[in-house]
């Protein structure tokens, strides 16, 4: 089934949000304002850590194969801040994503994983995009045979299922499970030298009450089922 969340439509209110999304983190730092869904990362003095936001359509909309389109402005304006737009299966941890990190705000990364096997080596960057300054349209076309990532209508990467064959496990490491849409902003809590820290470029500065905001104007999923 195809569906759309137009956050920039004044008629899209809290009841519409609750029909499409579930907030996965406490406190909930996702809110509708300024004609967008705003996901925030800020310092939580009670916990002495940064806390972000994550929302998922998984409980409301889950599809296998189709096209995801979202209009997004990244909030990854400082090293260590990460923003993610993903198709993810909560059952198998299959994932297809766009990811932004403050280490390189002029770049969006494309990534995928199969059955929860996170692999930082599968990321492919698309550079030359002011991801934190302007809104851009990000799209993922997902079929049983290939995945294509596009930015503002321009293909930036194509992954063919045939190219994911793993001779050791004798399986294709290709995302093929029904998935929901996830949007998130978070910081890197890891220690120096970890794979996540090397990727995101942490730590994050929360000096003078700094808050980082990811803005999403709309999300559309067109099902091929």
C-alpha atoms as a PDB file:
ATOM      1  CA  UNK A   1       0.000   0.000   0.000  1.00  0.00           C
ATOM      2  CA  UNK A   2       1.298   3.456  -0.871  1.00  0.00           C
ATOM      3  CA  UNK A   3       1.216   6.276   1.688  1.00  0.00           C
ATOM      4  CA  UNK A   4       2.409   9.848   2.217  1.00  0.00           C
ATOM      5  CA  UNK A   5       3.179  12.001   5.257  1.00  0.00           C
ATOM      6  CA  UNK A   6       3.115  15.674   4.237  1.00  0.00           C
ATOM      7  CA  UNK A   7       4.626  17.352   7.279  1.00  0.00           C
ATOM      8  CA  UNK A   8       4.604  20.711   5.468  1.00  0.00           C
ATOM      9  CA  UNK A   9       0.798  20.597   5.170  1.00  0.00           C
ATOM     10  CA  UNK A  10      -0.857  22.559   8.041  1.00  0.00           C
ATOM     11  CA  UNK A  11      -3.630  19.931   8.092  1.00  0.00           C
ATOM     12  CA  UNK A  12      -1.105  17.212   8.980  1.00  0.00           C
ATOM     13  CA  UNK A  13      -1.413  17.351  12.762  1.00  0.00           C
ATOM     14  CA  UNK A  14      -0.734  15.147  15.758  1.00  0.00           C
ATOM     15  CA  UNK A  15      -3.536  12.691  14.959  1.00  0.00           C
ATOM     16  CA  UNK A  16      -2.149  12.158  11.446  1.00  0.00           C
ATOM     17  CA  UNK A  17       1.355  11.758  12.872  1.00  0.00           C
ATOM     18  CA  UNK A  18       0.154   9.135  15.375  1.00  0.00           C
ATOM     19  CA  UNK A  19      -1.548   7.234  12.548  1.00  0.00           C
ATOM     20  CA  UNK A  20       1.733   6.975  10.617  1.00  0.00           C
ATOM     21  CA  UNK A  21       4.575   7.004  13.149  1.00  0.00           C
ATOM     22  CA  UNK A  22       5.804   5.767  16.510  1.00  0.00           C
ATOM     23  CA  UNK A  23       8.453   7.615  18.499  1.00  0.00           C
ATOM     24  CA  UNK A  24      11.065   5.130  19.712  1.00  0.00           C
ATOM     25  CA  UNK A  25      13.046   7.257  22.197  1.00  0.00           C
ATOM     26  CA  UNK A  26      12.361   8.923  25.550  1.00  0.00           C
ATOM     27  CA  UNK A  27      12.233  11.839  25.939  1.00  0.00           C
ATOM     28  CA  UNK A  28      10.481  12.358  22.627  1.00  0.00           C
ATOM     29  CA  UNK A  29      12.428  15.012  20.710  1.00  0.00           C
ATOM     30  CA  UNK A  30      10.377  14.751  17.502  1.00  0.00           C
ATOM     31  CA  UNK A  31       7.771  17.460  16.875  1.00  0.00           C
ATOM     32  CA  UNK A  32       5.699  19.020  14.099  1.00  0.00           C
ATOM     33  CA  UNK A  33       6.595  22.679  13.644  1.00  0.00           C
ATOM     34  CA  UNK A  34       7.869  25.162  11.060  1.00  0.00           C
ATOM     35  CA  UNK A  35       6.108  23.189   8.274  1.00  0.00           C
ATOM     36  CA  UNK A  36       8.258  20.123   8.948  1.00  0.00           C
ATOM     37  CA  UNK A  37       8.871  17.182  11.215  1.00  0.00           C
ATOM     38  CA  UNK A  38      11.740  18.350  13.419  1.00  0.00           C
ATOM     39  CA  UNK A  39      13.964  15.730  15.064  1.00  0.00           C
ATOM     40  CA  UNK A  40      16.317  17.194  17.665  1.00  0.00           C
ATOM     41  CA  UNK A  41      19.545  16.174  19.372  1.00  0.00           C
ATOM     42  CA  UNK A  42      20.293  17.980  22.636  1.00  0.00           C
ATOM     43  CA  UNK A  43      22.141  17.472  25.904  1.00  0.00           C
ATOM     44  CA  UNK A  44      20.204  15.705  28.660  1.00  0.00           C
ATOM     45  CA  UNK A  45      21.644  17.070  31.907  1.00  0.00           C
ATOM     46  CA  UNK A  46      19.818  14.464  34.007  1.00  0.00           C
ATOM     47  CA  UNK A  47      21.552  11.643  32.155  1.00  0.00           C
ATOM     48  CA  UNK A  48      24.710  13.598  31.323  1.00  0.00           C
ATOM     49  CA  UNK A  49      24.495  12.449  27.693  1.00  0.00           C
ATOM     50  CA  UNK A  50      23.150  13.718  24.424  1.00  0.00           C
ATOM     51  CA  UNK A  51      19.706  12.371  23.492  1.00  0.00           C
ATOM     52  CA  UNK A  52      18.269  12.393  20.015  1.00  0.00           C
ATOM     53  CA  UNK A  53      15.074  11.415  18.239  1.00  0.00           C
ATOM     54  CA  UNK A  54      13.913   8.391  16.277  1.00  0.00           C
ATOM     55  CA  UNK A  55      10.532   7.740  14.674  1.00  0.00           C
ATOM     56  CA  UNK A  56       9.388   4.676  12.766  1.00  0.00           C
ATOM     57  CA  UNK A  57       6.453   3.755  10.551  1.00  0.00           C
ATOM     58  CA  UNK A  58       7.038   0.061  11.250  1.00  0.00           C
ATOM     59  CA  UNK A  59       3.949  -0.455  13.427  1.00  0.00           C
ATOM     60  CA  UNK A  60       1.723   1.420  10.953  1.00  0.00           C
ATOM     61  CA  UNK A  61       3.209   0.937   7.454  1.00  0.00           C
ATOM     62  CA  UNK A  62       5.476  -1.968   6.462  1.00  0.00           C
ATOM     63  CA  UNK A  63       6.103  -2.899   2.834  1.00  0.00           C
ATOM     64  CA  UNK A  64       8.353  -5.164   0.783  1.00  0.00           C
ATOM     65  CA  UNK A  65       9.741  -3.430  -2.335  1.00  0.00           C
ATOM     66  CA  UNK A  66       8.806  -0.009  -3.570  1.00  0.00           C
ATOM     67  CA  UNK A  67      10.104   3.551  -3.733  1.00  0.00           C
ATOM     68  CA  UNK A  68      10.796   5.761  -0.724  1.00  0.00           C
ATOM     69  CA  UNK A  69      11.026   9.520  -1.301  1.00  0.00           C
ATOM     70  CA  UNK A  70      11.737  12.097   1.411  1.00  0.00           C
ATOM     71  CA  UNK A  71      12.487  15.826   1.439  1.00  0.00           C
ATOM     72  CA  UNK A  72      15.131  16.355   4.132  1.00  0.00           C
ATOM     73  CA  UNK A  73      17.546  18.920   5.538  1.00  0.00           C
ATOM     74  CA  UNK A  74      20.256  17.220   7.577  1.00  0.00           C
ATOM     75  CA  UNK A  75      21.057  18.335  11.102  1.00  0.00           C
ATOM     76  CA  UNK A  76      24.585  16.883  11.064  1.00  0.00           C
ATOM     77  CA  UNK A  77      26.308  20.254  11.452  1.00  0.00           C
ATOM     78  CA  UNK A  78      28.951  19.163  13.976  1.00  0.00           C
ATOM     79  CA  UNK A  79      31.352  16.231  14.162  1.00  0.00           C
ATOM     80  CA  UNK A  80      29.747  13.277  15.899  1.00  0.00           C
ATOM     81  CA  UNK A  81      26.180  14.117  14.855  1.00  0.00           C
ATOM     82  CA  UNK A  82      24.490  11.516  12.631  1.00  0.00           C
ATOM     83  CA  UNK A  83      21.156  11.659  10.785  1.00  0.00           C
ATOM     84  CA  UNK A  84      19.522   8.677   9.083  1.00  0.00           C
ATOM     85  CA  UNK A  85      16.685   8.032   6.628  1.00  0.00           C
ATOM     86  CA  UNK A  86      16.181   4.292   6.303  1.00  0.00           C
ATOM     87  CA  UNK A  87      14.025   1.428   5.235  1.00  0.00           C
ATOM     88  CA  UNK A  88      14.482  -1.057   8.060  1.00  0.00           C
ATOM     89  CA  UNK A  89      13.037  -4.383   9.106  1.00  0.00           C
ATOM     90  CA  UNK A  90      12.733  -4.619  12.883  1.00  0.00           C
ATOM     91  CA  UNK A  91      12.525  -8.412  12.586  1.00  0.00           C
ATOM     92  CA  UNK A  92      15.581  -9.197  10.453  1.00  0.00           C
ATOM     93  CA  UNK A  93      17.475  -5.850  10.704  1.00  0.00           C
ATOM     94  CA  UNK A  94      17.692  -5.548   6.946  1.00  0.00           C
ATOM     95  CA  UNK A  95      18.369  -1.898   6.165  1.00  0.00           C
ATOM     96  CA  UNK A  96      18.678   0.440   3.167  1.00  0.00           C
ATOM     97  CA  UNK A  97      19.624   3.994   4.056  1.00  0.00           C
ATOM     98  CA  UNK A  98      20.812   7.501   3.453  1.00  0.00           C
ATOM     99  CA  UNK A  99      23.110   8.687   6.243  1.00  0.00           C
ATOM    100  CA  UNK A 100      24.589  12.086   7.052  1.00  0.00           C
ATOM    101  CA  UNK A 101      27.455  12.721   9.471  1.00  0.00           C
ATOM    102  CA  UNK A 102      28.860  15.990  10.800  1.00  0.00           C
ATOM    103  CA  UNK A 103      32.334  14.826   9.830  1.00  0.00           C
ATOM    104  CA  UNK A 104      31.423  15.715   6.223  1.00  0.00           C
ATOM    105  CA  UNK A 105      28.218  17.804   5.972  1.00  0.00           C
ATOM    106  CA  UNK A 106      28.695  18.339   2.223  1.00  0.00           C
ATOM    107  CA  UNK A 107      28.161  14.622   1.645  1.00  0.00           C
ATOM    108  CA  UNK A 108      25.373  12.069   2.004  1.00  0.00           C
ATOM    109  CA  UNK A 109      26.238   8.391   2.350  1.00  0.00           C
ATOM    110  CA  UNK A 110      24.303   5.453   0.917  1.00  0.00           C
ATOM    111  CA  UNK A 111      24.364   2.176   2.778  1.00  0.00           C
ATOM    112  CA  UNK A 112      22.689  -1.198   3.203  1.00  0.00           C
ATOM    113  CA  UNK A 113      22.932  -4.218   5.472  1.00  0.00           C
ATOM    114  CA  UNK A 114      21.368  -7.670   5.436  1.00  0.00           C
ATOM    115  CA  UNK A 115      20.134  -9.538   8.492  1.00  0.00           C
ATOM    116  CA  UNK A 116      21.679  -7.078  10.919  1.00  0.00           C
ATOM    117  CA  UNK A 117      25.247  -7.423   9.692  1.00  0.00           C
ATOM    118  CA  UNK A 118      26.322  -3.778   9.967  1.00  0.00           C
ATOM    119  CA  UNK A 119      29.190  -3.080   7.618  1.00  0.00           C
ATOM    120  CA  UNK A 120      30.791   0.364   7.387  1.00  0.00           C
ATOM    121  CA  UNK A 121      32.642  -0.751   4.249  1.00  0.00           C
ATOM    122  CA  UNK A 122      29.426  -0.856   2.193  1.00  0.00           C
ATOM    123  CA  UNK A 123      28.889   2.916   2.446  1.00  0.00           C
ATOM    124  CA  UNK A 124      29.276   4.939  -0.738  1.00  0.00           C
ATOM    125  CA  UNK A 125      29.319   8.759  -0.480  1.00  0.00           C
ATOM    126  CA  UNK A 126      27.697  11.248  -2.849  1.00  0.00           C
ATOM    127  CA  UNK A 127      29.514  14.563  -2.471  1.00  0.00           C
ATOM    128  CA  UNK A 128      28.950  18.160  -3.458  1.00  0.00           C
ATOM    129  CA  UNK A 129      25.563  18.541  -1.760  1.00  0.00           C
ATOM    130  CA  UNK A 130      24.819  21.231   0.861  1.00  0.00           C
ATOM    131  CA  UNK A 131      22.944  18.742   3.017  1.00  0.00           C
ATOM    132  CA  UNK A 132      22.638  21.003   6.088  1.00  0.00           C
ATOM    133  CA  UNK A 133      21.874  24.250   4.248  1.00  0.00           C
ATOM    134  CA  UNK A 134      19.069  23.296   1.867  1.00  0.00           C
ATOM    135  CA  UNK A 135      16.321  20.708   1.597  1.00  0.00           C
ATOM    136  CA  UNK A 136      16.989  17.937  -0.918  1.00  0.00           C
ATOM    137  CA  UNK A 137      14.861  15.098  -2.257  1.00  0.00           C
ATOM    138  CA  UNK A 138      16.274  11.679  -1.412  1.00  0.00           C
ATOM    139  CA  UNK A 139      14.837   8.540  -3.013  1.00  0.00           C
ATOM    140  CA  UNK A 140      15.429   4.792  -2.714  1.00  0.00           C
ATOM    141  CA  UNK A 141      14.025   2.506  -5.425  1.00  0.00           C
ATOM    142  CA  UNK A 142      13.963  -1.050  -4.067  1.00  0.00           C
ATOM    143  CA  UNK A 143      13.112  -4.101  -6.175  1.00  0.00           C
ATOM    144  CA  UNK A 144      13.873  -7.833  -5.794  1.00  0.00           C
ATOM    145  CA  UNK A 145      16.811  -7.421  -8.186  1.00  0.00           C
ATOM    146  CA  UNK A 146      18.366  -4.018  -7.414  1.00  0.00           C
ATOM    147  CA  UNK A 147      18.403  -0.888  -5.272  1.00  0.00           C
ATOM    148  CA  UNK A 148      18.956   2.608  -6.662  1.00  0.00           C
ATOM    149  CA  UNK A 149      19.629   5.671  -4.512  1.00  0.00           C
ATOM    150  CA  UNK A 150      18.847   9.111  -6.008  1.00  0.00           C
ATOM    151  CA  UNK A 151      19.431  12.685  -4.843  1.00  0.00           C
ATOM    152  CA  UNK A 152      17.291  15.413  -6.425  1.00  0.00           C
ATOM    153  CA  UNK A 153      16.402  12.977  -9.200  1.00  0.00           C
ATOM    154  CA  UNK A 154      20.030  12.075  -9.938  1.00  0.00           C
ATOM    155  CA  UNK A 155      21.059   8.422  -9.489  1.00  0.00           C
ATOM    156  CA  UNK A 156      24.072   8.264  -7.158  1.00  0.00           C
ATOM    157  CA  UNK A 157      24.339   4.514  -6.655  1.00  0.00           C
ATOM    158  CA  UNK A 158      22.873   1.214  -7.855  1.00  0.00           C
ATOM    159  CA  UNK A 159      23.307  -2.108  -6.061  1.00  0.00           C
ATOM    160  CA  UNK A 160      22.406  -5.328  -7.866  1.00  0.00           C
ATOM    161  CA  UNK A 161      21.320  -8.353  -5.858  1.00  0.00           C
ATOM    162  CA  UNK A 162      23.535 -10.545  -8.014  1.00  0.00           C
ATOM    163  CA  UNK A 163      26.570  -8.610  -6.788  1.00  0.00           C
ATOM    164  CA  UNK A 164      25.858  -9.349  -3.106  1.00  0.00           C
ATOM    165  CA  UNK A 165      26.491 -13.113  -3.345  1.00  0.00           C
ATOM    166  CA  UNK A 166      28.609 -14.351  -0.437  1.00  0.00           C
ATOM    167  CA  UNK A 167      30.413 -17.583  -1.251  1.00  0.00           C
ATOM    168  CA  UNK A 168      31.120 -18.418   2.411  1.00  0.00           C
ATOM    169  CA  UNK A 169      27.505 -18.352   3.581  1.00  0.00           C
ATOM    170  CA  UNK A 170      26.193 -19.212   0.108  1.00  0.00           C
ATOM    171  CA  UNK A 171      23.565 -16.488   0.329  1.00  0.00           C
ATOM    172  CA  UNK A 172      22.916 -13.100  -1.202  1.00  0.00           C
ATOM    173  CA  UNK A 173      23.551 -10.390   1.380  1.00  0.00           C
ATOM    174  CA  UNK A 174      20.712  -8.337  -0.002  1.00  0.00           C
ATOM    175  CA  UNK A 175      17.916  -6.631   1.969  1.00  0.00           C
ATOM    176  CA  UNK A 176      14.678  -8.419   1.080  1.00  0.00           C
ATOM    177  CA  UNK A 177      12.498  -8.297   4.214  1.00  0.00           C
ATOM    178  CA  UNK A 178       9.383  -6.134   4.593  1.00  0.00           C
ATOM    179  CA  UNK A 179      10.467  -2.826   6.104  1.00  0.00           C
ATOM    180  CA  UNK A 180       9.188   0.366   7.653  1.00  0.00           C
ATOM    181  CA  UNK A 181      10.592   3.879   7.313  1.00  0.00           C
ATOM    182  CA  UNK A 182      12.840   5.230  10.074  1.00  0.00           C
ATOM    183  CA  UNK A 183      14.067   8.782  10.642  1.00  0.00           C
ATOM    184  CA  UNK A 184      16.620   9.591  13.331  1.00  0.00           C
ATOM    185  CA  UNK A 185      19.235  11.961  14.678  1.00  0.00           C
ATOM    186  CA  UNK A 186      21.748  10.817  17.285  1.00  0.00           C
ATOM    187  CA  UNK A 187      25.258  11.354  18.557  1.00  0.00           C
ATOM    188  CA  UNK A 188      28.235   9.070  18.912  1.00  0.00           C
ATOM    189  CA  UNK A 189      28.635   7.866  22.518  1.00  0.00           C
ATOM    190  CA  UNK A 190      31.528   5.574  21.659  1.00  0.00           C
ATOM    191  CA  UNK A 191      35.125   5.863  22.748  1.00  0.00           C
ATOM    192  CA  UNK A 192      37.839   7.166  20.457  1.00  0.00           C
ATOM    193  CA  UNK A 193      39.031   4.683  17.895  1.00  0.00           C
ATOM    194  CA  UNK A 194      35.738   2.813  17.515  1.00  0.00           C
ATOM    195  CA  UNK A 195      34.259   2.231  14.062  1.00  0.00           C
ATOM    196  CA  UNK A 196      31.334   4.547  14.855  1.00  0.00           C
ATOM    197  CA  UNK A 197      33.606   7.342  16.091  1.00  0.00           C
ATOM    198  CA  UNK A 198      35.838   7.050  13.049  1.00  0.00           C
ATOM    199  CA  UNK A 199      32.735   7.226  10.859  1.00  0.00           C
ATOM    200  CA  UNK A 200      30.879  10.082  12.600  1.00  0.00           C
ATOM    201  CA  UNK A 201      33.930  12.035  13.722  1.00  0.00           C
ATOM    202  CA  UNK A 202      32.758  12.574  17.350  1.00  0.00           C
ATOM    203  CA  UNK A 203      32.518  13.839  20.008  1.00  0.00           C
ATOM    204  CA  UNK A 204      29.630  16.306  19.817  1.00  0.00           C
ATOM    205  CA  UNK A 205      29.817  19.749  21.386  1.00  0.00           C
ATOM    206  CA  UNK A 206      26.839  20.854  23.466  1.00  0.00           C
ATOM    207  CA  UNK A 207      28.417  24.152  24.442  1.00  0.00           C
ATOM    208  CA  UNK A 208      26.002  26.953  25.263  1.00  0.00           C
ATOM    209  CA  UNK A 209      23.004  24.650  24.980  1.00  0.00           C
ATOM    210  CA  UNK A 210      23.646  23.649  21.374  1.00  0.00           C
ATOM    211  CA  UNK A 211      20.781  21.764  19.712  1.00  0.00           C
ATOM    212  CA  UNK A 212      20.982  19.978  16.354  1.00  0.00           C
ATOM    213  CA  UNK A 213      17.860  19.640  14.207  1.00  0.00           C
ATOM    214  CA  UNK A 214      16.991  17.357  11.288  1.00  0.00           C
ATOM    215  CA  UNK A 215      14.014  18.686   9.286  1.00  0.00           C
ATOM    216  CA  UNK A 216      11.748  16.532   7.113  1.00  0.00           C
ATOM    217  CA  UNK A 217       9.073  18.119   4.922  1.00  0.00           C
ATOM    218  CA  UNK A 218       7.544  14.935   3.549  1.00  0.00           C
ATOM    219  CA  UNK A 219       7.873  11.165   3.255  1.00  0.00           C
ATOM    220  CA  UNK A 220       6.225   9.070   0.537  1.00  0.00           C
ATOM    221  CA  UNK A 221       6.373   5.327   0.019  1.00  0.00           C
ATOM    222  CA  UNK A 222       5.022   3.874  -3.230  1.00  0.00           C
ATOM    223  CA  UNK A 223       4.586   0.128  -2.878  1.00  0.00           C
ATOM    224  CA  UNK A 224       5.377  -2.325  -5.668  1.00  0.00           C
ATOM    225  CA  UNK A 225       3.391  -5.083  -3.943  1.00  0.00           C
END
